[in-house]
Structure formats: structure tokens, C-alpha cells
Amino acid sequence: VYAPSEISHEDDVWKTFPSENDWFAGWAKRIGEMNVEAYMEEYRWNKCSIVRPANIYGPNDKYDSRSHVLPATIMKVVNGDNPLVVWGNGEDVRDFIYIDDLCKIIIKFLKDFRGYKIINLGSYESNSLIDIANKVKIVGEKYLKRKKKSILISLIK
């Protein structure tokens, strides 16, 4: 939900519009947070918090054209897409969190709840889209037995 910048700070999220790549989802998230804050103010109730998870991955993820970047990239390699297409210049970054880790953190957070908070959950490791594609490519080349082993990566703007 942040506009592009070298370094994003939590307090800056409301100073700009969401980036073009995250326009609708960014606004939906912001409006959801505003709804929580409005509810708490109107009813003088502080028993709400906002959890902002990074891109979630794990078992039962969708591996099709509607999936997020990690499972979509994995599916492209499994399906034999060559070249492996990465949209944009490959420099956009993503952070990830494994579903089981997210659940454990949320359960602990609920048990230790002390009032209103905004928490961001992720690995706090930024991965560029080109790095993600390269990592998936390496694993795919190693474990998938194909006649043509080398997978090319193509950037499409």
C-alpha cells in the first residue's frame, strides 16, 4: 500500500496514494483500517487491532493464473513455461510469510492482547521479482527432469 520510495516508513503510508501496482488492493486495505479506527472512535472501544501480513504462502495455495507471485512463478516452471515471464523490470520487491508462522503469531498476539495496535507480519526480507524468478528457476532446473534444462527469464513491461 506504499507509494514507491527508497525507504518506506510506517507513518508515511497515509501521505501518498497507493502505487499503481497495488492501487485497488491498497485502497481496500486503507479503507478497512479506517473502518476499524472509526468503529473504535464511535463506540469508544479499543479491543481492535490491525494485522498487516506480507504475501502469505503455504499448503493449499492457489497454483493457477489467479495466484500470487510465488505460486504463480512455481506453476510457470512446473508447466514448462520457457521463457519464464516476469512483468515489469523485475525490481519490484515482495516480502513473504509462511501460513503456519502467520497463524502462530496471530494466536500469540490474541493471547497477549493489550489494546489497539497495528502490526506488520512478514519475514522482513525483501525479494525482487527477478530474484524470486531466479530462485524458482534454479530449483525447477534441479528437480524437474526436462530435455531442455535451461530456463530463460524474460522481462515484459
N, C-alpha and C. Protein backbone atom coordinates (compact mmCIF):
# COMPACT_ATOMS: atom_id res chain seq x y z
N VAL A 1 0.81 -1.20 0.00
CA VAL A 1 0.00 0.00 0.00
C VAL A 1 0.85 1.26 0.00
N TYR A 2 2.13 1.11 -0.03
CA TYR A 2 3.00 2.27 -0.04
C TYR A 2 3.29 2.72 -1.46
N ALA A 3 3.48 4.00 -1.65
CA ALA A 3 3.95 4.51 -2.93
C ALA A 3 5.43 4.15 -3.05
N PRO A 4 5.93 4.04 -4.26
CA PRO A 4 7.34 3.67 -4.42
C PRO A 4 8.27 4.70 -3.77
N SER A 5 9.27 4.20 -3.06
CA SER A 5 10.29 5.06 -2.48
C SER A 5 11.47 4.19 -2.09
N GLU A 6 12.59 4.82 -1.81
CA GLU A 6 13.77 4.06 -1.39
C GLU A 6 13.50 3.34 -0.07
N ILE A 7 12.97 4.08 0.91
CA ILE A 7 12.66 3.52 2.22
C ILE A 7 11.26 3.97 2.60
N SER A 8 10.42 3.01 3.00
CA SER A 8 9.06 3.34 3.43
C SER A 8 9.01 3.31 4.96
N HIS A 9 8.38 4.31 5.52
CA HIS A 9 8.20 4.38 6.96
C HIS A 9 6.72 4.23 7.27
N GLU A 10 6.43 3.56 8.36
CA GLU A 10 5.05 3.26 8.72
C GLU A 10 4.17 4.51 8.76
N ASP A 11 4.69 5.59 9.30
CA ASP A 11 3.89 6.81 9.42
C ASP A 11 3.64 7.49 8.09
N ASP A 12 4.37 7.09 7.05
CA ASP A 12 4.23 7.73 5.74
C ASP A 12 3.13 7.12 4.88
N VAL A 13 2.52 6.03 5.32
CA VAL A 13 1.56 5.32 4.48
C VAL A 13 0.39 6.20 4.04
N TRP A 14 -0.01 7.14 4.86
CA TRP A 14 -1.15 7.98 4.52
C TRP A 14 -0.76 9.25 3.78
N LYS A 15 0.54 9.50 3.59
CA LYS A 15 1.00 10.73 2.94
C LYS A 15 0.96 10.65 1.42
N THR A 16 0.83 9.46 0.87
CA THR A 16 0.81 9.28 -0.58
C THR A 16 -0.33 8.35 -0.97
N PHE A 17 -0.56 8.25 -2.25
CA PHE A 17 -1.53 7.29 -2.76
C PHE A 17 -0.86 5.93 -2.90
N PRO A 18 -1.63 4.85 -2.93
CA PRO A 18 -1.02 3.53 -3.19
C PRO A 18 -0.35 3.53 -4.56
N SER A 19 0.62 2.65 -4.72
CA SER A 19 1.32 2.55 -6.01
C SER A 19 0.36 2.01 -7.07
N GLU A 20 0.70 2.25 -8.32
CA GLU A 20 -0.14 1.75 -9.43
C GLU A 20 -0.27 0.24 -9.39
N ASN A 21 0.78 -0.45 -8.97
CA ASN A 21 0.75 -1.92 -8.93
C ASN A 21 -0.16 -2.46 -7.84
N ASP A 22 -0.51 -1.63 -6.89
CA ASP A 22 -1.31 -2.07 -5.75
C ASP A 22 -2.51 -1.15 -5.53
N TRP A 23 -2.95 -0.49 -6.59
CA TRP A 23 -3.95 0.57 -6.48
C TRP A 23 -5.22 0.11 -5.76
N PHE A 24 -5.92 -0.88 -6.28
CA PHE A 24 -7.21 -1.27 -5.71
C PHE A 24 -7.04 -1.98 -4.36
N ALA A 25 -6.10 -2.90 -4.29
CA ALA A 25 -5.86 -3.60 -3.02
C ALA A 25 -5.37 -2.61 -1.96
N GLY A 26 -4.52 -1.68 -2.38
CA GLY A 26 -4.01 -0.67 -1.44
C GLY A 26 -5.12 0.17 -0.84
N TRP A 27 -6.03 0.64 -1.70
CA TRP A 27 -7.15 1.42 -1.19
C TRP A 27 -8.08 0.59 -0.33
N ALA A 28 -8.32 -0.66 -0.70
CA ALA A 28 -9.20 -1.53 0.09
C ALA A 28 -8.62 -1.73 1.50
N LYS A 29 -7.31 -1.93 1.57
CA LYS A 29 -6.66 -2.11 2.88
C LYS A 29 -6.76 -0.83 3.71
N ARG A 30 -6.51 0.31 3.09
CA ARG A 30 -6.57 1.57 3.82
C ARG A 30 -7.98 1.85 4.33
N ILE A 31 -8.98 1.62 3.50
CA ILE A 31 -10.36 1.86 3.90
C ILE A 31 -10.76 0.90 5.03
N GLY A 32 -10.29 -0.34 4.95
CA GLY A 32 -10.55 -1.28 6.04
C GLY A 32 -9.98 -0.80 7.36
N GLU A 33 -8.76 -0.28 7.31
CA GLU A 33 -8.14 0.25 8.53
C GLU A 33 -8.89 1.47 9.04
N MET A 34 -9.34 2.32 8.13
CA MET A 34 -10.12 3.49 8.54
C MET A 34 -11.43 3.05 9.19
N ASN A 35 -12.06 2.00 8.68
CA ASN A 35 -13.29 1.48 9.28
C ASN A 35 -13.05 1.02 10.71
N VAL A 36 -11.95 0.32 10.94
CA VAL A 36 -11.62 -0.13 12.29
C VAL A 36 -11.44 1.07 13.21
N GLU A 37 -10.67 2.05 12.76
CA GLU A 37 -10.43 3.23 13.60
C GLU A 37 -11.71 4.02 13.84
N ALA A 38 -12.57 4.14 12.84
CA ALA A 38 -13.85 4.85 13.01
C ALA A 38 -14.75 4.12 14.00
N TYR A 39 -14.80 2.79 13.90
CA TYR A 39 -15.61 1.99 14.82
C TYR A 39 -15.12 2.18 16.25
N MET A 40 -13.81 2.15 16.44
CA MET A 40 -13.27 2.30 17.79
C MET A 40 -13.57 3.69 18.35
N GLU A 41 -13.49 4.69 17.51
CA GLU A 41 -13.77 6.05 17.97
C GLU A 41 -15.26 6.23 18.28
N GLU A 42 -16.11 5.75 17.38
CA GLU A 42 -17.55 5.93 17.57
C GLU A 42 -18.06 5.21 18.81
N TYR A 43 -17.56 4.00 19.06
CA TYR A 43 -18.07 3.20 20.18
C TYR A 43 -17.14 3.20 21.38
N ARG A 44 -16.09 4.03 21.33
CA ARG A 44 -15.13 4.14 22.43
C ARG A 44 -14.68 2.75 22.89
N TRP A 45 -14.20 1.98 21.94
CA TRP A 45 -13.83 0.59 22.17
C TRP A 45 -12.43 0.36 21.62
N ASN A 46 -11.50 -0.11 22.46
CA ASN A 46 -10.12 -0.29 22.00
C ASN A 46 -9.73 -1.76 21.87
N LYS A 47 -10.69 -2.61 21.63
CA LYS A 47 -10.41 -4.04 21.55
C LYS A 47 -10.20 -4.50 20.11
N CYS A 48 -9.69 -3.64 19.28
CA CYS A 48 -9.41 -3.97 17.88
C CYS A 48 -7.93 -3.74 17.61
N SER A 49 -7.42 -4.47 16.67
CA SER A 49 -6.06 -4.25 16.17
C SER A 49 -6.06 -4.50 14.67
N ILE A 50 -5.04 -4.04 14.04
CA ILE A 50 -4.89 -4.21 12.60
C ILE A 50 -3.65 -5.06 12.36
N VAL A 51 -3.82 -6.14 11.62
CA VAL A 51 -2.73 -7.03 11.27
C VAL A 51 -2.48 -6.89 9.77
N ARG A 52 -1.26 -6.57 9.41
CA ARG A 52 -0.89 -6.41 8.01
C ARG A 52 0.11 -7.52 7.64
N PRO A 53 -0.38 -8.65 7.14
CA PRO A 53 0.56 -9.70 6.77
C PRO A 53 1.21 -9.42 5.41
N ALA A 54 2.43 -9.91 5.26
CA ALA A 54 3.10 -9.87 3.96
C ALA A 54 2.40 -10.89 3.05
N ASN A 55 2.95 -11.15 1.89
CA ASN A 55 2.39 -12.15 0.98
C ASN A 55 2.47 -13.52 1.65
N ILE A 56 1.32 -14.15 1.80
CA ILE A 56 1.22 -15.42 2.51
C ILE A 56 1.40 -16.56 1.50
N TYR A 57 2.16 -17.59 1.92
CA TYR A 57 2.31 -18.77 1.08
C TYR A 57 2.27 -20.02 1.95
N GLY A 58 1.99 -21.16 1.32
CA GLY A 58 1.98 -22.42 2.05
C GLY A 58 1.06 -23.42 1.40
N PRO A 59 0.80 -24.53 2.12
CA PRO A 59 -0.06 -25.59 1.58
C PRO A 59 -1.44 -25.02 1.21
N ASN A 60 -2.04 -25.61 0.22
CA ASN A 60 -3.37 -25.23 -0.28
C ASN A 60 -3.39 -23.86 -0.94
N ASP A 61 -2.21 -23.34 -1.29
CA ASP A 61 -2.13 -22.11 -2.06
C ASP A 61 -2.74 -22.39 -3.43
N LYS A 62 -3.18 -21.34 -4.10
CA LYS A 62 -3.70 -21.48 -5.47
C LYS A 62 -2.51 -21.48 -6.43
N TYR A 63 -2.43 -22.49 -7.26
CA TYR A 63 -1.37 -22.57 -8.27
C TYR A 63 -2.00 -22.47 -9.64
N ASP A 64 -2.52 -21.28 -9.95
CA ASP A 64 -3.14 -21.06 -11.26
C ASP A 64 -2.94 -19.60 -11.65
N SER A 65 -3.64 -19.17 -12.67
CA SER A 65 -3.44 -17.81 -13.19
C SER A 65 -3.88 -16.73 -12.20
N ARG A 66 -4.64 -17.07 -11.18
CA ARG A 66 -5.12 -16.08 -10.21
C ARG A 66 -4.25 -16.01 -8.97
N SER A 67 -3.20 -16.78 -8.92
CA SER A 67 -2.41 -16.89 -7.70
C SER A 67 -1.44 -15.72 -7.54
N HIS A 68 -0.86 -15.63 -6.37
CA HIS A 68 0.13 -14.60 -6.07
C HIS A 68 1.46 -14.93 -6.72
N VAL A 69 2.42 -14.05 -6.61
CA VAL A 69 3.66 -14.13 -7.38
C VAL A 69 4.43 -15.43 -7.14
N LEU A 70 4.56 -15.88 -5.91
CA LEU A 70 5.36 -17.07 -5.65
C LEU A 70 4.73 -18.33 -6.23
N PRO A 71 3.47 -18.66 -5.90
CA PRO A 71 2.90 -19.86 -6.51
C PRO A 71 2.72 -19.74 -8.02
N ALA A 72 2.46 -18.54 -8.51
CA ALA A 72 2.32 -18.35 -9.96
C ALA A 72 3.64 -18.65 -10.66
N THR A 73 4.75 -18.19 -10.08
CA THR A 73 6.06 -18.44 -10.67
C THR A 73 6.40 -19.93 -10.61
N ILE A 74 6.11 -20.56 -9.49
CA ILE A 74 6.34 -22.00 -9.37
C ILE A 74 5.53 -22.75 -10.43
N MET A 75 4.27 -22.36 -10.60
CA MET A 75 3.42 -23.05 -11.57
C MET A 75 3.94 -22.87 -12.99
N LYS A 76 4.45 -21.69 -13.31
CA LYS A 76 5.01 -21.46 -14.64
C LYS A 76 6.16 -22.41 -14.92
N VAL A 77 7.02 -22.60 -13.92
CA VAL A 77 8.17 -23.50 -14.09
C VAL A 77 7.70 -24.95 -14.21
N VAL A 78 6.76 -25.35 -13.34
CA VAL A 78 6.23 -26.71 -13.40
C VAL A 78 5.56 -26.99 -14.74
N ASN A 79 4.86 -26.00 -15.28
CA ASN A 79 4.17 -26.15 -16.56
C ASN A 79 5.11 -26.08 -17.76
N GLY A 80 6.37 -25.78 -17.50
CA GLY A 80 7.35 -25.74 -18.57
C GLY A 80 7.42 -24.43 -19.34
N ASP A 81 6.90 -23.37 -18.77
CA ASP A 81 6.99 -22.06 -19.45
C ASP A 81 8.46 -21.70 -19.66
N ASN A 82 8.82 -21.45 -20.87
CA ASN A 82 10.19 -21.06 -21.18
C ASN A 82 10.15 -20.19 -22.43
N PRO A 83 10.34 -18.89 -22.29
CA PRO A 83 10.95 -18.24 -21.13
C PRO A 83 9.96 -18.06 -19.99
N LEU A 84 10.51 -17.91 -18.81
CA LEU A 84 9.75 -17.59 -17.61
C LEU A 84 9.54 -16.08 -17.62
N VAL A 85 8.29 -15.65 -17.77
CA VAL A 85 8.00 -14.23 -17.93
C VAL A 85 7.84 -13.54 -16.58
N VAL A 86 8.54 -12.43 -16.43
CA VAL A 86 8.42 -11.56 -15.26
C VAL A 86 7.92 -10.22 -15.76
N TRP A 87 6.80 -9.75 -15.23
CA TRP A 87 6.23 -8.48 -15.66
C TRP A 87 7.00 -7.32 -15.05
N GLY A 88 7.16 -6.25 -15.80
CA GLY A 88 7.87 -5.06 -15.33
C GLY A 88 9.36 -5.22 -15.50
N ASN A 89 10.11 -4.47 -14.71
CA ASN A 89 11.57 -4.53 -14.83
C ASN A 89 12.20 -5.52 -13.85
N GLY A 90 11.37 -6.21 -13.05
CA GLY A 90 11.87 -7.22 -12.12
C GLY A 90 12.37 -6.66 -10.81
N GLU A 91 12.33 -5.33 -10.66
CA GLU A 91 12.88 -4.70 -9.45
C GLU A 91 11.86 -4.54 -8.32
N ASP A 92 10.55 -4.70 -8.61
CA ASP A 92 9.56 -4.63 -7.53
C ASP A 92 9.89 -5.69 -6.50
N VAL A 93 9.68 -5.36 -5.23
CA VAL A 93 10.03 -6.30 -4.17
C VAL A 93 8.79 -6.80 -3.44
N ARG A 94 8.92 -7.99 -2.90
CA ARG A 94 7.86 -8.60 -2.10
C ARG A 94 8.48 -9.18 -0.84
N ASP A 95 7.67 -9.24 0.20
CA ASP A 95 8.04 -9.90 1.45
C ASP A 95 7.05 -11.04 1.62
N PHE A 96 7.47 -12.12 2.24
CA PHE A 96 6.62 -13.29 2.38
C PHE A 96 6.54 -13.75 3.83
N ILE A 97 5.45 -14.46 4.13
CA ILE A 97 5.32 -15.12 5.43
C ILE A 97 4.61 -16.46 5.20
N TYR A 98 5.12 -17.49 5.82
CA TYR A 98 4.55 -18.83 5.72
C TYR A 98 3.28 -18.88 6.56
N ILE A 99 2.24 -19.51 6.04
CA ILE A 99 0.92 -19.51 6.68
C ILE A 99 0.96 -20.01 8.12
N ASP A 100 1.72 -21.09 8.39
CA ASP A 100 1.79 -21.61 9.76
C ASP A 100 2.43 -20.60 10.71
N ASP A 101 3.46 -19.90 10.23
CA ASP A 101 4.09 -18.86 11.06
C ASP A 101 3.11 -17.73 11.34
N LEU A 102 2.37 -17.31 10.31
CA LEU A 102 1.37 -16.26 10.49
C LEU A 102 0.34 -16.66 11.54
N CYS A 103 -0.17 -17.88 11.46
CA CYS A 103 -1.18 -18.35 12.42
C CYS A 103 -0.63 -18.36 13.85
N LYS A 104 0.59 -18.85 14.01
CA LYS A 104 1.20 -18.89 15.35
C LYS A 104 1.34 -17.48 15.94
N ILE A 105 1.78 -16.55 15.11
CA ILE A 105 1.98 -15.17 15.58
C ILE A 105 0.64 -14.54 15.94
N ILE A 106 -0.38 -14.74 15.13
CA ILE A 106 -1.69 -14.16 15.41
C ILE A 106 -2.27 -14.75 16.70
N ILE A 107 -2.14 -16.06 16.88
CA ILE A 107 -2.65 -16.69 18.11
C ILE A 107 -1.93 -16.13 19.33
N LYS A 108 -0.61 -16.00 19.26
CA LYS A 108 0.14 -15.41 20.37
C LYS A 108 -0.29 -13.97 20.61
N PHE A 109 -0.45 -13.22 19.54
CA PHE A 109 -0.89 -11.82 19.65
C PHE A 109 -2.25 -11.74 20.35
N LEU A 110 -3.19 -12.61 19.98
CA LEU A 110 -4.52 -12.60 20.59
C LEU A 110 -4.46 -12.97 22.07
N LYS A 111 -3.60 -13.92 22.43
CA LYS A 111 -3.46 -14.33 23.83
C LYS A 111 -2.87 -13.20 24.67
N ASP A 112 -1.95 -12.44 24.08
CA ASP A 112 -1.26 -11.36 24.80
C ASP A 112 -1.87 -9.99 24.52
N PHE A 113 -3.07 -9.94 24.00
CA PHE A 113 -3.68 -8.68 23.55
C PHE A 113 -3.71 -7.65 24.67
N ARG A 114 -3.22 -6.42 24.36
CA ARG A 114 -3.17 -5.35 25.36
C ARG A 114 -3.86 -4.08 24.85
N GLY A 115 -4.61 -4.17 23.79
CA GLY A 115 -5.25 -2.98 23.25
C GLY A 115 -4.83 -2.72 21.82
N TYR A 116 -5.30 -1.63 21.29
CA TYR A 116 -5.12 -1.30 19.89
C TYR A 116 -3.66 -1.25 19.47
N LYS A 117 -3.36 -1.93 18.37
CA LYS A 117 -2.03 -1.91 17.78
C LYS A 117 -2.16 -2.15 16.29
N ILE A 118 -1.20 -1.67 15.55
CA ILE A 118 -1.05 -2.05 14.15
C ILE A 118 0.23 -2.87 14.07
N ILE A 119 0.12 -4.11 13.57
CA ILE A 119 1.32 -4.93 13.46
C ILE A 119 1.51 -5.40 12.02
N ASN A 120 2.74 -5.35 11.57
CA ASN A 120 3.12 -5.84 10.25
C ASN A 120 3.82 -7.18 10.44
N LEU A 121 3.38 -8.18 9.70
CA LEU A 121 3.95 -9.51 9.83
C LEU A 121 4.56 -9.97 8.51
N GLY A 122 5.80 -10.35 8.55
CA GLY A 122 6.48 -10.86 7.37
C GLY A 122 7.85 -11.36 7.77
N SER A 123 8.63 -11.71 6.78
CA SER A 123 9.99 -12.19 7.04
C SER A 123 10.95 -11.02 7.19
N TYR A 124 10.52 -9.85 6.73
CA TYR A 124 11.33 -8.64 6.71
C TYR A 124 12.56 -8.80 5.82
N GLU A 125 12.43 -9.70 4.84
CA GLU A 125 13.45 -9.87 3.81
C GLU A 125 12.82 -9.50 2.48
N SER A 126 13.34 -8.49 1.84
CA SER A 126 12.80 -8.07 0.55
C SER A 126 13.37 -8.94 -0.56
N ASN A 127 12.49 -9.41 -1.43
CA ASN A 127 12.88 -10.22 -2.57
C ASN A 127 12.38 -9.54 -3.83
N SER A 128 13.29 -9.21 -4.74
CA SER A 128 12.84 -8.63 -6.01
C SER A 128 12.19 -9.72 -6.84
N LEU A 129 11.32 -9.31 -7.75
CA LEU A 129 10.63 -10.29 -8.60
C LEU A 129 11.62 -11.08 -9.44
N ILE A 130 12.70 -10.45 -9.88
CA ILE A 130 13.70 -11.16 -10.67
C ILE A 130 14.44 -12.17 -9.80
N ASP A 131 14.70 -11.82 -8.53
CA ASP A 131 15.34 -12.77 -7.61
C ASP A 131 14.43 -13.97 -7.35
N ILE A 132 13.14 -13.71 -7.16
CA ILE A 132 12.18 -14.80 -6.96
C ILE A 132 12.18 -15.72 -8.17
N ALA A 133 12.11 -15.13 -9.36
CA ALA A 133 12.12 -15.94 -10.59
C ALA A 133 13.39 -16.77 -10.69
N ASN A 134 14.54 -16.18 -10.38
CA ASN A 134 15.81 -16.91 -10.45
C ASN A 134 15.86 -18.06 -9.45
N LYS A 135 15.37 -17.84 -8.23
CA LYS A 135 15.37 -18.91 -7.21
C LYS A 135 14.47 -20.06 -7.63
N VAL A 136 13.27 -19.74 -8.13
CA VAL A 136 12.34 -20.78 -8.57
C VAL A 136 12.92 -21.50 -9.79
N LYS A 137 13.54 -20.76 -10.68
CA LYS A 137 14.18 -21.33 -11.88
C LYS A 137 15.24 -22.35 -11.48
N ILE A 138 16.12 -21.99 -10.53
CA ILE A 138 17.20 -22.87 -10.09
C ILE A 138 16.64 -24.17 -9.51
N VAL A 139 15.63 -24.06 -8.65
CA VAL A 139 15.02 -25.25 -8.06
C VAL A 139 14.34 -26.08 -9.15
N GLY A 140 13.63 -25.41 -10.07
CA GLY A 140 12.96 -26.13 -11.15
C GLY A 140 13.93 -26.87 -12.04
N GLU A 141 15.04 -26.24 -12.39
CA GLU A 141 16.05 -26.89 -13.24
C GLU A 141 16.67 -28.09 -12.53
N LYS A 142 16.80 -27.99 -11.22
CA LYS A 142 17.43 -29.08 -10.46
C LYS A 142 16.50 -30.28 -10.30
N TYR A 143 15.23 -30.02 -10.02
CA TYR A 143 14.34 -31.12 -9.65
C TYR A 143 13.40 -31.59 -10.76
N LEU A 144 13.16 -30.79 -11.77
CA LEU A 144 12.29 -31.21 -12.86
C LEU A 144 13.14 -31.77 -13.98
N LYS A 145 12.89 -33.00 -14.34
CA LYS A 145 13.67 -33.66 -15.39
C LYS A 145 13.07 -33.29 -16.74
N ARG A 146 13.71 -32.39 -17.45
CA ARG A 146 13.25 -31.92 -18.76
C ARG A 146 14.37 -32.09 -19.77
N LYS A 147 14.00 -32.26 -21.04
CA LYS A 147 15.01 -32.37 -22.10
C LYS A 147 15.79 -31.07 -22.20
N LYS A 148 15.08 -29.95 -22.23
CA LYS A 148 15.72 -28.64 -22.31
C LYS A 148 15.80 -28.10 -20.89
N LYS A 149 16.96 -28.25 -20.23
CA LYS A 149 17.08 -27.91 -18.82
C LYS A 149 17.10 -26.43 -18.53
N SER A 150 17.77 -25.64 -19.34
CA SER A 150 17.95 -24.23 -19.02
C SER A 150 16.66 -23.43 -19.26
N ILE A 151 16.22 -22.74 -18.21
CA ILE A 151 15.03 -21.90 -18.29
C ILE A 151 15.49 -20.46 -18.44
N LEU A 152 14.98 -19.79 -19.47
CA LEU A 152 15.29 -18.39 -19.68
C LEU A 152 14.29 -17.52 -18.92
N ILE A 153 14.72 -16.34 -18.51
CA ILE A 153 13.83 -15.38 -17.86
C ILE A 153 13.69 -14.17 -18.77
N SER A 154 12.44 -13.77 -19.00
CA SER A 154 12.16 -12.65 -19.89
C SER A 154 11.37 -11.59 -19.12
N LEU A 155 11.84 -10.34 -19.21
CA LEU A 155 11.12 -9.22 -18.60
C LEU A 155 10.18 -8.61 -19.62
N ILE A 156 8.90 -8.42 -19.23
CA ILE A 156 7.92 -7.81 -20.13
C ILE A 156 7.32 -6.61 -19.43
N LYS A 157 7.41 -5.47 -20.08
CA LYS A 157 6.87 -4.24 -19.46
C LYS A 157 5.43 -4.06 -19.83
